[in-house]
Amino acid sequence: MRAMRVLRLVVHALSRQPVLVLGEVDGPRCVPIFLRPQQAEVIAVGAREGEPETALSQDVLVPVVEALGGRLAGADITSLVDGVYTAELLVEHGSGQVRVSVRPSDALAVAVREGLAIGVAEEILDEVGQQTAELFPDGTDAPPVEQLREFREFLDEVSPDDFR
């Protein structure tokens, strides 16, 4: 598993679907992951800070896992089969780790919201990874406020019919 970081949340020009671009923490490659609009909005909101006024549905997961004696430890994108990613949330429990299969967009929404480590299988990067410098010749560090503004503009213009 390669450690990844969020580079950008963008909108795919042709499909108008939200795409999260993850980049290697210590490497030159990145990988795009198409998201469902609801999870993209959670990612656009960003990390949970303290006790938010309005909790999101993903926020219920942490207290449930903790009540069961565990701790969320990360999210891994584990495979790519026929163009579809699979993912797992990592839960530390006792002296071991439990992997829970979830949709990739849900795993990423929880990871971003909770500030968890994100991993992507090396095989995925080998298959669909792209050079970050080629995709973002001006760099990847657009201010989060600008990324959020662009994504909110997209959400204001889109309808559920656009994703059918």
Protein backbone atom coordinates (compact mmCIF):
# COMPACT_ATOMS: atom_id res chain seq x y z
CA MET A 1 0.00 0.00 0.00
CA ARG A 2 1.32 3.43 -0.94
CA ALA A 3 0.63 6.40 1.35
CA MET A 4 -1.42 9.03 -0.44
CA ARG A 5 -2.60 12.58 0.13
CA VAL A 6 -5.49 14.55 -1.31
CA LEU A 7 -4.28 16.75 -4.15
CA ARG A 8 -7.47 18.20 -5.59
CA LEU A 9 -11.20 17.76 -5.80
CA VAL A 10 -12.19 18.52 -9.37
CA VAL A 11 -15.10 18.05 -11.73
CA HIS A 12 -14.56 15.82 -14.78
CA ALA A 13 -15.32 18.00 -17.79
CA LEU A 14 -17.12 15.39 -19.91
CA SER A 15 -19.11 13.44 -17.31
CA ARG A 16 -19.51 16.35 -14.86
CA GLN A 17 -18.77 13.89 -12.04
CA PRO A 18 -16.66 14.87 -9.04
CA VAL A 19 -13.18 13.37 -9.01
CA LEU A 20 -10.80 13.20 -6.09
CA VAL A 21 -7.16 13.19 -7.18
CA LEU A 22 -4.87 11.42 -4.73
CA GLY A 23 -1.10 11.83 -4.99
CA GLU A 24 1.69 9.74 -3.55
CA VAL A 25 3.09 11.24 -0.36
CA ASP A 26 6.65 10.41 -1.45
CA GLY A 27 6.32 9.85 -5.17
CA PRO A 28 5.49 11.38 -8.53
CA ARG A 29 2.22 9.59 -9.32
CA CYS A 30 -1.40 10.39 -8.74
CA VAL A 31 -4.67 8.54 -9.28
CA PRO A 32 -8.15 9.91 -9.98
CA ILE A 33 -11.14 8.44 -8.16
CA PHE A 34 -14.65 9.28 -9.28
CA LEU A 35 -16.98 10.01 -6.38
CA ARG A 36 -20.67 10.09 -5.72
CA PRO A 37 -21.84 13.71 -5.30
CA GLN A 38 -22.82 13.29 -1.64
CA GLN A 39 -19.37 12.01 -0.65
CA ALA A 40 -17.69 14.69 -2.75
CA GLU A 41 -19.57 17.31 -0.80
CA VAL A 42 -18.37 15.77 2.50
CA ILE A 43 -14.80 15.84 1.18
CA ALA A 44 -15.27 19.46 0.07
CA VAL A 45 -16.37 20.38 3.60
CA GLY A 46 -13.10 18.89 4.81
CA ALA A 47 -11.84 17.67 8.14
CA ARG A 48 -14.07 17.73 11.16
CA GLU A 49 -12.81 20.24 13.67
CA GLY A 50 -14.02 19.80 17.21
CA GLU A 51 -17.76 19.30 17.50
CA PRO A 52 -19.39 20.72 14.36
CA GLU A 53 -22.77 22.44 14.62
CA THR A 54 -24.18 20.17 11.95
CA ALA A 55 -22.89 16.62 12.03
CA LEU A 56 -22.71 14.71 8.77
CA SER A 57 -23.80 11.10 8.37
CA GLN A 58 -20.14 9.99 8.26
CA ASP A 59 -19.60 11.50 11.71
CA VAL A 60 -21.67 8.77 13.38
CA LEU A 61 -19.12 6.11 12.43
CA VAL A 62 -16.41 7.20 14.88
CA PRO A 63 -18.48 6.99 18.06
CA VAL A 64 -19.97 3.65 16.95
CA VAL A 65 -16.52 2.15 16.31
CA GLU A 66 -15.21 3.56 19.60
CA ALA A 67 -18.23 2.22 21.53
CA LEU A 68 -17.38 -1.22 20.16
CA GLY A 69 -13.81 -0.89 21.44
CA GLY A 70 -12.12 0.05 18.18
CA ARG A 71 -10.45 3.00 16.52
CA LEU A 72 -10.56 4.04 12.87
CA ALA A 73 -7.00 3.88 11.54
CA GLY A 74 -7.21 4.50 7.80
CA ALA A 75 -8.78 3.88 4.43
CA ASP A 76 -7.25 1.79 1.66
CA ILE A 77 -8.19 1.62 -2.00
CA THR A 78 -7.41 -2.05 -2.46
CA SER A 79 -8.12 -3.07 -6.06
CA LEU A 80 -9.37 -2.01 -9.47
CA VAL A 81 -11.45 -4.58 -11.36
CA ASP A 82 -13.14 -3.72 -14.66
CA GLY A 83 -12.77 -0.01 -13.91
CA VAL A 84 -14.31 -0.26 -10.43
CA TYR A 85 -12.31 0.39 -7.27
CA THR A 86 -12.75 -1.53 -4.03
CA ALA A 87 -11.91 -0.09 -0.63
CA GLU A 88 -11.62 -0.94 3.03
CA LEU A 89 -11.73 1.04 6.24
CA LEU A 90 -9.08 -0.08 8.72
CA VAL A 91 -10.23 -0.48 12.31
CA GLU A 92 -7.78 -1.18 15.10
CA HIS A 93 -9.40 -3.44 17.64
CA GLY A 94 -7.59 -4.98 20.56
CA SER A 95 -4.16 -6.09 19.39
CA GLY A 96 -5.20 -6.50 15.76
CA GLN A 97 -6.69 -4.78 12.80
CA VAL A 98 -10.04 -5.41 11.13
CA ARG A 99 -10.69 -4.50 7.50
CA VAL A 100 -14.24 -3.50 6.59
CA SER A 101 -15.20 -3.44 2.90
CA VAL A 102 -16.95 -0.19 1.93
CA ARG A 103 -17.50 1.86 -1.20
CA PRO A 104 -14.39 3.84 -2.14
CA SER A 105 -16.21 7.17 -2.02
CA ASP A 106 -17.44 6.39 1.51
CA ALA A 107 -13.97 5.32 2.65
CA LEU A 108 -12.45 8.52 1.28
CA ALA A 109 -15.17 10.73 2.76
CA VAL A 110 -14.58 9.22 6.21
CA ALA A 111 -10.79 9.43 5.82
CA VAL A 112 -10.84 13.10 4.84
CA ARG A 113 -13.42 14.00 7.46
CA GLU A 114 -11.48 12.24 10.24
CA GLY A 115 -7.95 12.99 9.02
CA LEU A 116 -7.14 9.30 8.52
CA ALA A 117 -4.27 7.84 6.51
CA ILE A 118 -5.18 6.95 2.92
CA GLY A 119 -3.47 4.14 1.04
CA VAL A 120 -3.67 2.91 -2.53
CA ALA A 121 -2.48 -0.50 -3.69
CA GLU A 122 0.73 -0.40 -5.69
CA GLU A 123 -0.95 -2.39 -8.50
CA ILE A 124 -3.52 0.40 -8.94
CA LEU A 125 -0.82 3.03 -9.26
CA ASP A 126 1.01 0.82 -11.76
CA GLU A 127 -2.17 0.39 -13.81
CA VAL A 128 -3.80 3.85 -13.76
CA GLY A 129 -1.36 6.14 -11.97
CA GLN A 130 -0.38 9.27 -13.84
CA GLN A 131 2.47 11.68 -13.42
CA THR A 132 1.29 14.47 -11.14
CA ALA A 133 3.45 17.05 -12.89
CA GLU A 134 1.77 16.27 -16.24
CA LEU A 135 -1.76 16.65 -14.84
CA PHE A 136 -0.95 19.74 -12.78
CA PRO A 137 1.85 21.63 -14.56
CA ASP A 138 1.16 24.68 -12.35
CA GLY A 139 1.36 22.60 -9.18
CA THR A 140 -1.19 20.95 -6.94
CA ASP A 141 -1.37 23.45 -4.15
CA ALA A 142 -4.42 25.52 -5.12
CA PRO A 143 -5.72 27.06 -1.92
CA PRO A 144 -8.45 24.89 -0.34
CA VAL A 145 -10.76 27.92 -0.35
CA GLU A 146 -10.43 28.15 -4.13
CA GLN A 147 -11.00 24.40 -4.56
CA LEU A 148 -14.08 24.61 -2.37
CA ARG A 149 -15.42 27.64 -4.30
CA GLU A 150 -14.99 25.84 -7.63
CA PHE A 151 -16.68 22.70 -6.33
CA ARG A 152 -19.59 24.64 -4.79
CA GLU A 153 -20.12 26.39 -8.16
CA PHE A 154 -20.34 22.95 -9.74
CA LEU A 155 -22.87 21.78 -7.13
CA ASP A 156 -25.01 24.88 -7.71
CA GLU A 157 -25.25 24.08 -11.42
CA VAL A 158 -25.75 20.32 -11.32
CA SER A 159 -28.87 18.22 -10.87
CA PRO A 160 -29.35 14.52 -10.06
CA ASP A 161 -30.28 13.93 -13.71
CA ASP A 162 -26.73 14.87 -14.71
CA PHE A 163 -25.49 11.64 -13.08
CA ARG A 164 -27.85 9.16 -14.72
